[in-house]
C-alpha atoms as a PDB file:
ATOM      1  CA  MET A   1     103.458 -15.528-219.636  1.00  0.00           C
ATOM      2  CA  ASN A   2     103.846 -12.117-221.236  1.00  0.00           C
ATOM      3  CA  ILE A   3     105.594 -10.777-218.199  1.00  0.00           C
ATOM      4  CA  LEU A   4     108.548 -13.147-218.713  1.00  0.00           C
ATOM      5  CA  PHE A   5     108.578 -13.914-222.378  1.00  0.00           C
ATOM      6  CA  LYS A   6     107.565 -10.909-224.495  1.00  0.00           C
ATOM      7  CA  GLY A   7     105.774 -11.865-227.636  1.00  0.00           C
ATOM      8  CA  CYS A   8     104.671 -15.332-226.622  1.00  0.00           C
ATOM      9  CA  THR A   9     101.070 -16.035-226.809  1.00  0.00           C
ATOM     10  CA  SER A  10     101.083 -19.655-225.790  1.00  0.00           C
ATOM     11  CA  ILE A  11     103.360 -22.093-223.938  1.00  0.00           C
ATOM     12  CA  GLU A  12     104.570 -23.637-227.292  1.00  0.00           C
ATOM     13  CA  ASP A  13     106.108 -20.164-228.270  1.00  0.00           C
ATOM     14  CA  ILE A  14     108.440 -20.268-225.320  1.00  0.00           C
ATOM     15  CA  PRO A  15     111.996 -21.372-226.244  1.00  0.00           C
ATOM     16  CA  THR A  16     112.684 -24.857-224.841  1.00  0.00           C
ATOM     17  CA  LYS A  17     115.828 -23.875-223.034  1.00  0.00           C
ATOM     18  CA  SER A  18     114.029 -21.049-221.223  1.00  0.00           C
ATOM     19  CA  PHE A  19     111.161 -23.366-220.417  1.00  0.00           C
ATOM     20  CA  TYR A  20     113.369 -25.958-218.795  1.00  0.00           C
ATOM     21  CA  ILE A  21     115.472 -23.305-216.893  1.00  0.00           C
ATOM     22  CA  LEU A  22     112.383 -21.782-215.509  1.00  0.00           C
ATOM     23  CA  ASN A  23     110.876 -25.062-214.401  1.00  0.00           C
ATOM     24  CA  ILE A  24     114.135 -26.275-212.753  1.00  0.00           C
ATOM     25  CA  SER A  25     114.548 -23.030-210.963  1.00  0.00           C
ATOM     26  CA  ILE A  26     111.023 -23.145-209.620  1.00  0.00           C
ATOM     27  CA  ASN A  27     111.623 -26.695-208.279  1.00  0.00           C
ATOM     28  CA  ILE A  28     115.228 -26.323-207.143  1.00  0.00           C
ATOM     29  CA  LEU A  29     115.126 -22.962-205.155  1.00  0.00           C
ATOM     30  CA  PRO A  30     112.565 -24.171-202.638  1.00  0.00           C
ATOM     31  CA  LEU A  31     114.469 -27.384-202.090  1.00  0.00           C
ATOM     32  CA  VAL A  32     117.793 -25.413-201.436  1.00  0.00           C
ATOM     33  CA  MET A  33     116.029 -23.034-199.094  1.00  0.00           C
ATOM     34  CA  ALA A  34     114.629 -26.043-197.153  1.00  0.00           C
ATOM     35  CA  ILE A  35     117.980 -27.712-196.850  1.00  0.00           C
ATOM     36  CA  CYS A  36     119.974 -24.736-195.896  1.00  0.00           C
ATOM     37  CA  TYR A  37     117.474 -22.997-193.526  1.00  0.00           C
ATOM     38  CA  GLN A  38     115.462 -25.401-191.531  1.00  0.00           C
ATOM     39  CA  ASN A  39     113.355 -22.870-189.613  1.00  0.00           C
ATOM     40  CA  ILE A  40     110.320 -23.032-191.885  1.00  0.00           C
ATOM     41  CA  THR A  41     108.161 -20.865-189.704  1.00  0.00           C
ATOM     42  CA  ALA A  42     110.163 -17.806-190.282  1.00  0.00           C
ATOM     43  CA  ILE A  43     110.229 -18.402-194.088  1.00  0.00           C
ATOM     44  CA  LEU A  44     106.460 -18.993-194.157  1.00  0.00           C
ATOM     45  CA  GLY A  45     105.925 -15.856-192.001  1.00  0.00           C
ATOM     46  CA  ILE A  46     108.000 -13.664-194.278  1.00  0.00           C
ATOM     47  CA  PHE A  47     106.439 -15.075-197.576  1.00  0.00           C
ATOM     48  CA  GLY A  48     102.940 -14.936-196.106  1.00  0.00           C
ATOM     49  CA  SER A  49     103.249 -11.356-195.021  1.00  0.00           C
ATOM     50  CA  VAL A  50     104.639 -10.211-198.368  1.00  0.00           C
ATOM     51  CA  SER A  51     102.191 -12.111-200.358  1.00  0.00           C
ATOM     52  CA  GLY A  52      99.364 -10.866-198.161  1.00  0.00           C
ATOM     53  CA  PHE A  53     100.511  -7.242-198.687  1.00  0.00           C
ATOM     54  CA  LEU A  54     100.762  -7.774-202.445  1.00  0.00           C
ATOM     55  CA  MET A  55      97.235  -9.347-202.647  1.00  0.00           C
ATOM     56  CA  ILE A  56      95.488  -6.862-200.417  1.00  0.00           C
ATOM     57  CA  TYR A  57      97.199  -3.542-201.418  1.00  0.00           C
ATOM     58  CA  VAL A  58      99.270  -3.801-204.572  1.00  0.00           C
ATOM     59  CA  ILE A  59      97.334  -5.920-207.014  1.00  0.00           C
ATOM     60  CA  PRO A  60      93.955  -4.124-206.637  1.00  0.00           C
ATOM     61  CA  VAL A  61      95.802  -0.760-207.290  1.00  0.00           C
ATOM     62  CA  VAL A  62      97.761  -2.077-210.305  1.00  0.00           C
ATOM     63  CA  THR A  63      94.658  -3.575-211.865  1.00  0.00           C
ATOM     64  CA  TYR A  64      92.733  -0.362-211.275  1.00  0.00           C
ATOM     65  CA  MET A  65      95.547   1.716-212.845  1.00  0.00           C
ATOM     66  CA  LYS A  66      95.691  -0.789-215.850  1.00  0.00           C
ATOM     67  CA  MET A  67      91.895  -0.326-216.412  1.00  0.00           C
ATOM     68  CA  GLN A  68      92.229   3.447-216.259  1.00  0.00           C
ATOM     69  CA  LYS A  69      95.164   3.225-218.798  1.00  0.00           C
ATOM     70  CA  LEU A  70      92.910   1.205-221.134  1.00  0.00           C
ATOM     71  CA  GLU A  71      90.128   3.776-220.760  1.00  0.00           C
ATOM     72  CA  ILE A  72      92.532   6.502-221.664  1.00  0.00           C
ATOM     73  CA  GLU A  73      94.310   4.869-224.542  1.00  0.00           C
ATOM     74  CA  HIS A  74      91.374   2.965-226.058  1.00  0.00           C
ATOM     75  CA  PRO A  75      88.088   4.354-224.823  1.00  0.00           C
ATOM     76  CA  LEU A  76      85.980   2.299-227.327  1.00  0.00           C
ATOM     77  CA  LEU A  77      87.628  -1.059-226.228  1.00  0.00           C
ATOM     78  CA  ALA A  78      87.103  -0.117-222.513  1.00  0.00           C
ATOM     79  CA  ALA A  79      83.439   0.622-223.180  1.00  0.00           C
ATOM     80  CA  ALA A  80      82.902  -2.631-224.985  1.00  0.00           C
ATOM     81  CA  ILE A  81      84.521  -4.663-222.130  1.00  0.00           C
ATOM     82  CA  GLN A  82      82.433  -2.966-219.624  1.00  0.00           C
ATOM     83  CA  GLU A  83      79.293  -3.414-221.668  1.00  0.00           C
ATOM     84  CA  ASN A  84      79.950  -7.110-222.233  1.00  0.00           C
ATOM     85  CA  GLU A  85      80.792  -7.999-218.593  1.00  0.00           C
ATOM     86  CA  VAL A  86      79.289 -11.299-217.575  1.00  0.00           C
ATOM     87  CA  THR A  87      76.951 -11.655-214.687  1.00  0.00           C
ATOM     88  CA  PHE A  88      77.194 -14.894-212.753  1.00  0.00           C
ATOM     89  CA  TYR A  89      74.005 -16.511-211.716  1.00  0.00           C
ATOM     90  CA  SER A  90      74.393 -19.402-209.320  1.00  0.00           C
ATOM     91  CA  PRO A  91      72.544 -22.603-210.263  1.00  0.00           C
ATOM     92  CA  TYR A  92      71.797 -23.062-206.569  1.00  0.00           C
ATOM     93  CA  GLU A  93      69.740 -19.904-206.096  1.00  0.00           C
ATOM     94  CA  GLU A  94      66.104 -20.551-207.066  1.00  0.00           C
ATOM     95  CA  ASP A  95      63.945 -17.830-208.321  1.00  0.00           C
ATOM     96  CA  GLN A  96      60.191 -17.559-207.693  1.00  0.00           C
ATOM     97  CA  ASN A  97      59.249 -18.944-211.206  1.00  0.00           C
ATOM     98  CA  SER A  98      61.406 -22.059-211.292  1.00  0.00           C
ATOM     99  CA  ARG A  99      60.642 -25.564-209.874  1.00  0.00           C
ATOM    100  CA  GLY A 100      64.283 -26.287-209.078  1.00  0.00           C
ATOM    101  CA  PRO A 101      67.802 -24.924-209.770  1.00  0.00           C
ATOM    102  CA  PHE A 102      67.873 -26.168-213.375  1.00  0.00           C
ATOM    103  CA  ILE A 103      64.251 -26.601-214.215  1.00  0.00           C
ATOM    104  CA  HIS A 104      62.394 -23.441-215.315  1.00  0.00           C
ATOM    105  CA  SER A 105      58.719 -23.256-215.820  1.00  0.00           C
ATOM    106  CA  THR A 106      57.564 -22.343-219.313  1.00  0.00           C
END
């Protein structure tokens, strides 16, 4: 949300006119493309290859660079974020001391 609307922290902060224009364009553009260009396989191939490239190569690099920028500009905040990272424990993994996924012996 911050990419399109600077200073907006929630969806209620977005101006109503901009909100409706964005939603209508998101719905109308694919409809117009489908009506005008009926070879959907070419469209899906192009969008799939572009989005795959972005997800595999661009997004990890950008997120890493953003983390490095945070570490340079605000080292205490970056250390706090790294210190407070959450570790995910699956409820389906049983450890040796438990009688089931949610029942732990005391």
